[in-house]
């Protein structure tokens, strides 16, 4: 247990939770392997398309790779150039919970 965990609320989990954690870890590994396959397939398709935005197979649309433009606020730049009161007025704080599994070789 690291120093950060000492201050946090804790609960003793039911023993069957260990099986769920094992399943979670295995599923994460499976997803990673599938994501690698997905990225490989995507790259091959994009390579075949070149600069085209629509790909056809037998004269029918099979894939689209369209350009999308987005505009986002550069928060670091805004904080740098805006008056602190204006930045504070425009800022919104939110709280969420992050789910992570402890590394048994490191966290205990």
C-alpha atoms as a PDB file:
ATOM      1  CA  UNK A   1       0.000   0.000   0.000  1.00  0.00           C
ATOM      2  CA  UNK A   2       1.460   3.333  -0.964  1.00  0.00           C
ATOM      3  CA  UNK A   3       1.237   6.588   1.003  1.00  0.00           C
ATOM      4  CA  UNK A   4      -1.544   7.877  -1.268  1.00  0.00           C
ATOM      5  CA  UNK A   5      -3.779   4.890  -0.380  1.00  0.00           C
ATOM      6  CA  UNK A   6      -3.388   5.357   3.375  1.00  0.00           C
ATOM      7  CA  UNK A   7      -5.686   8.406   3.311  1.00  0.00           C
ATOM      8  CA  UNK A   8      -8.423   6.838   1.160  1.00  0.00           C
ATOM      9  CA  UNK A   9     -11.527   4.941   2.324  1.00  0.00           C
ATOM     10  CA  UNK A  10     -11.019   1.180   2.072  1.00  0.00           C
ATOM     11  CA  UNK A  11     -13.204  -1.925   1.985  1.00  0.00           C
ATOM     12  CA  UNK A  12     -12.406  -5.631   2.300  1.00  0.00           C
ATOM     13  CA  UNK A  13     -13.736  -7.160  -0.910  1.00  0.00           C
ATOM     14  CA  UNK A  14     -15.470 -10.535  -1.066  1.00  0.00           C
ATOM     15  CA  UNK A  15     -13.016 -13.291  -2.042  1.00  0.00           C
ATOM     16  CA  UNK A  16     -14.854 -13.974  -5.325  1.00  0.00           C
ATOM     17  CA  UNK A  17     -13.863 -10.468  -6.422  1.00  0.00           C
ATOM     18  CA  UNK A  18     -10.384 -11.859  -7.149  1.00  0.00           C
ATOM     19  CA  UNK A  19     -11.880 -13.919  -9.999  1.00  0.00           C
ATOM     20  CA  UNK A  20     -13.545 -10.791 -11.394  1.00  0.00           C
ATOM     21  CA  UNK A  21     -10.233  -8.928 -11.235  1.00  0.00           C
ATOM     22  CA  UNK A  22      -8.538 -11.799 -13.099  1.00  0.00           C
ATOM     23  CA  UNK A  23     -11.283 -11.730 -15.740  1.00  0.00           C
ATOM     24  CA  UNK A  24     -10.940  -7.943 -16.023  1.00  0.00           C
ATOM     25  CA  UNK A  25      -7.177  -8.187 -16.587  1.00  0.00           C
ATOM     26  CA  UNK A  26      -7.568 -10.964 -19.183  1.00  0.00           C
ATOM     27  CA  UNK A  27     -10.275  -9.028 -20.994  1.00  0.00           C
ATOM     28  CA  UNK A  28      -8.071  -5.910 -21.037  1.00  0.00           C
ATOM     29  CA  UNK A  29      -5.304  -7.980 -22.671  1.00  0.00           C
ATOM     30  CA  UNK A  30      -7.786  -9.432 -25.195  1.00  0.00           C
ATOM     31  CA  UNK A  31      -9.053  -5.943 -26.034  1.00  0.00           C
ATOM     32  CA  UNK A  32      -5.486  -4.685 -26.528  1.00  0.00           C
ATOM     33  CA  UNK A  33      -4.780  -7.529 -28.960  1.00  0.00           C
ATOM     34  CA  UNK A  34      -8.019  -6.819 -30.838  1.00  0.00           C
ATOM     35  CA  UNK A  35      -7.259  -3.081 -30.942  1.00  0.00           C
ATOM     36  CA  UNK A  36      -3.877  -3.887 -32.526  1.00  0.00           C
ATOM     37  CA  UNK A  37      -5.627  -5.990 -35.194  1.00  0.00           C
ATOM     38  CA  UNK A  38      -8.185  -3.228 -35.696  1.00  0.00           C
ATOM     39  CA  UNK A  39      -5.452  -0.620 -36.161  1.00  0.00           C
ATOM     40  CA  UNK A  40      -3.621  -2.868 -38.627  1.00  0.00           C
ATOM     41  CA  UNK A  41      -6.800  -3.359 -40.699  1.00  0.00           C
ATOM     42  CA  UNK A  42      -7.536   0.382 -40.581  1.00  0.00           C
ATOM     43  CA  UNK A  43      -4.007   1.235 -41.729  1.00  0.00           C
ATOM     44  CA  UNK A  44      -4.211  -1.180 -44.660  1.00  0.00           C
ATOM     45  CA  UNK A  45      -7.574   0.266 -45.732  1.00  0.00           C
ATOM     46  CA  UNK A  46      -6.295   3.845 -45.435  1.00  0.00           C
ATOM     47  CA  UNK A  47      -3.157   2.913 -47.364  1.00  0.00           C
ATOM     48  CA  UNK A  48      -5.376   1.575 -50.162  1.00  0.00           C
ATOM     49  CA  UNK A  49      -7.460   4.766 -50.162  1.00  0.00           C
ATOM     50  CA  UNK A  50      -4.569   7.206 -50.447  1.00  0.00           C
ATOM     51  CA  UNK A  51      -6.033  10.736 -50.455  1.00  0.00           C
ATOM     52  CA  UNK A  52      -9.546   9.590 -51.455  1.00  0.00           C
ATOM     53  CA  UNK A  53     -12.371  10.130 -48.996  1.00  0.00           C
ATOM     54  CA  UNK A  54     -14.660   7.366 -50.286  1.00  0.00           C
ATOM     55  CA  UNK A  55     -13.649   3.784 -51.024  1.00  0.00           C
ATOM     56  CA  UNK A  56     -15.726   1.572 -53.314  1.00  0.00           C
ATOM     57  CA  UNK A  57     -15.949  -2.185 -53.663  1.00  0.00           C
ATOM     58  CA  UNK A  58     -17.863  -3.436 -56.724  1.00  0.00           C
ATOM     59  CA  UNK A  59     -19.118   0.114 -57.302  1.00  0.00           C
ATOM     60  CA  UNK A  60     -20.670   0.396 -53.843  1.00  0.00           C
ATOM     61  CA  UNK A  61     -19.494   2.593 -50.990  1.00  0.00           C
ATOM     62  CA  UNK A  62     -17.553   0.412 -48.555  1.00  0.00           C
ATOM     63  CA  UNK A  63     -15.677   2.981 -46.485  1.00  0.00           C
ATOM     64  CA  UNK A  64     -15.445   6.708 -45.889  1.00  0.00           C
ATOM     65  CA  UNK A  65     -12.382   8.562 -44.637  1.00  0.00           C
ATOM     66  CA  UNK A  66     -13.523  12.144 -44.461  1.00  0.00           C
ATOM     67  CA  UNK A  67     -11.789  15.277 -43.285  1.00  0.00           C
ATOM     68  CA  UNK A  68     -13.154  16.766 -40.071  1.00  0.00           C
ATOM     69  CA  UNK A  69     -12.163  20.154 -38.676  1.00  0.00           C
ATOM     70  CA  UNK A  70     -12.647  20.957 -35.006  1.00  0.00           C
ATOM     71  CA  UNK A  71     -11.932  24.027 -32.930  1.00  0.00           C
ATOM     72  CA  UNK A  72     -10.899  23.605 -29.311  1.00  0.00           C
ATOM     73  CA  UNK A  73      -9.936  26.019 -26.622  1.00  0.00           C
ATOM     74  CA  UNK A  74      -6.259  25.976 -25.754  1.00  0.00           C
ATOM     75  CA  UNK A  75      -6.686  25.963 -21.978  1.00  0.00           C
ATOM     76  CA  UNK A  76      -2.995  26.532 -21.234  1.00  0.00           C
ATOM     77  CA  UNK A  77      -2.920  29.542 -23.559  1.00  0.00           C
ATOM     78  CA  UNK A  78      -6.196  30.905 -22.130  1.00  0.00           C
ATOM     79  CA  UNK A  79      -4.819  30.640 -18.608  1.00  0.00           C
ATOM     80  CA  UNK A  80      -1.698  32.466 -19.749  1.00  0.00           C
ATOM     81  CA  UNK A  81      -3.414  35.404 -21.514  1.00  0.00           C
ATOM     82  CA  UNK A  82      -6.699  35.864 -19.626  1.00  0.00           C
ATOM     83  CA  UNK A  83      -7.124  37.829 -16.455  1.00  0.00           C
ATOM     84  CA  UNK A  84      -7.184  35.266 -13.594  1.00  0.00           C
ATOM     85  CA  UNK A  85     -10.689  36.408 -12.553  1.00  0.00           C
ATOM     86  CA  UNK A  86     -12.030  35.830 -16.069  1.00  0.00           C
ATOM     87  CA  UNK A  87     -10.302  32.455 -16.285  1.00  0.00           C
ATOM     88  CA  UNK A  88     -11.792  31.481 -12.910  1.00  0.00           C
ATOM     89  CA  UNK A  89     -15.240  32.672 -14.050  1.00  0.00           C
ATOM     90  CA  UNK A  90     -15.027  30.559 -17.210  1.00  0.00           C
ATOM     91  CA  UNK A  91     -13.604  27.502 -15.454  1.00  0.00           C
ATOM     92  CA  UNK A  92     -15.745  24.666 -14.237  1.00  0.00           C
ATOM     93  CA  UNK A  93     -14.541  21.985 -11.869  1.00  0.00           C
ATOM     94  CA  UNK A  94     -15.859  18.458 -12.105  1.00  0.00           C
ATOM     95  CA  UNK A  95     -15.186  15.361 -10.056  1.00  0.00           C
ATOM     96  CA  UNK A  96     -15.174  11.804 -11.313  1.00  0.00           C
ATOM     97  CA  UNK A  97     -13.844   8.488 -10.130  1.00  0.00           C
ATOM     98  CA  UNK A  98     -11.006   6.726 -11.961  1.00  0.00           C
ATOM     99  CA  UNK A  99     -11.089   2.912 -11.895  1.00  0.00           C
ATOM    100  CA  UNK A 100      -7.677   1.220 -11.861  1.00  0.00           C
ATOM    101  CA  UNK A 101      -6.449  -2.162 -10.765  1.00  0.00           C
ATOM    102  CA  UNK A 102      -3.533  -2.262  -8.369  1.00  0.00           C
ATOM    103  CA  UNK A 103      -0.324  -3.879  -9.601  1.00  0.00           C
ATOM    104  CA  UNK A 104       0.214  -6.701  -7.085  1.00  0.00           C
ATOM    105  CA  UNK A 105       3.985  -6.513  -7.585  1.00  0.00           C
ATOM    106  CA  UNK A 106       4.131  -2.785  -6.833  1.00  0.00           C
ATOM    107  CA  UNK A 107       1.165  -1.770  -4.685  1.00  0.00           C
ATOM    108  CA  UNK A 108       1.535  -4.215  -1.801  1.00  0.00           C
END
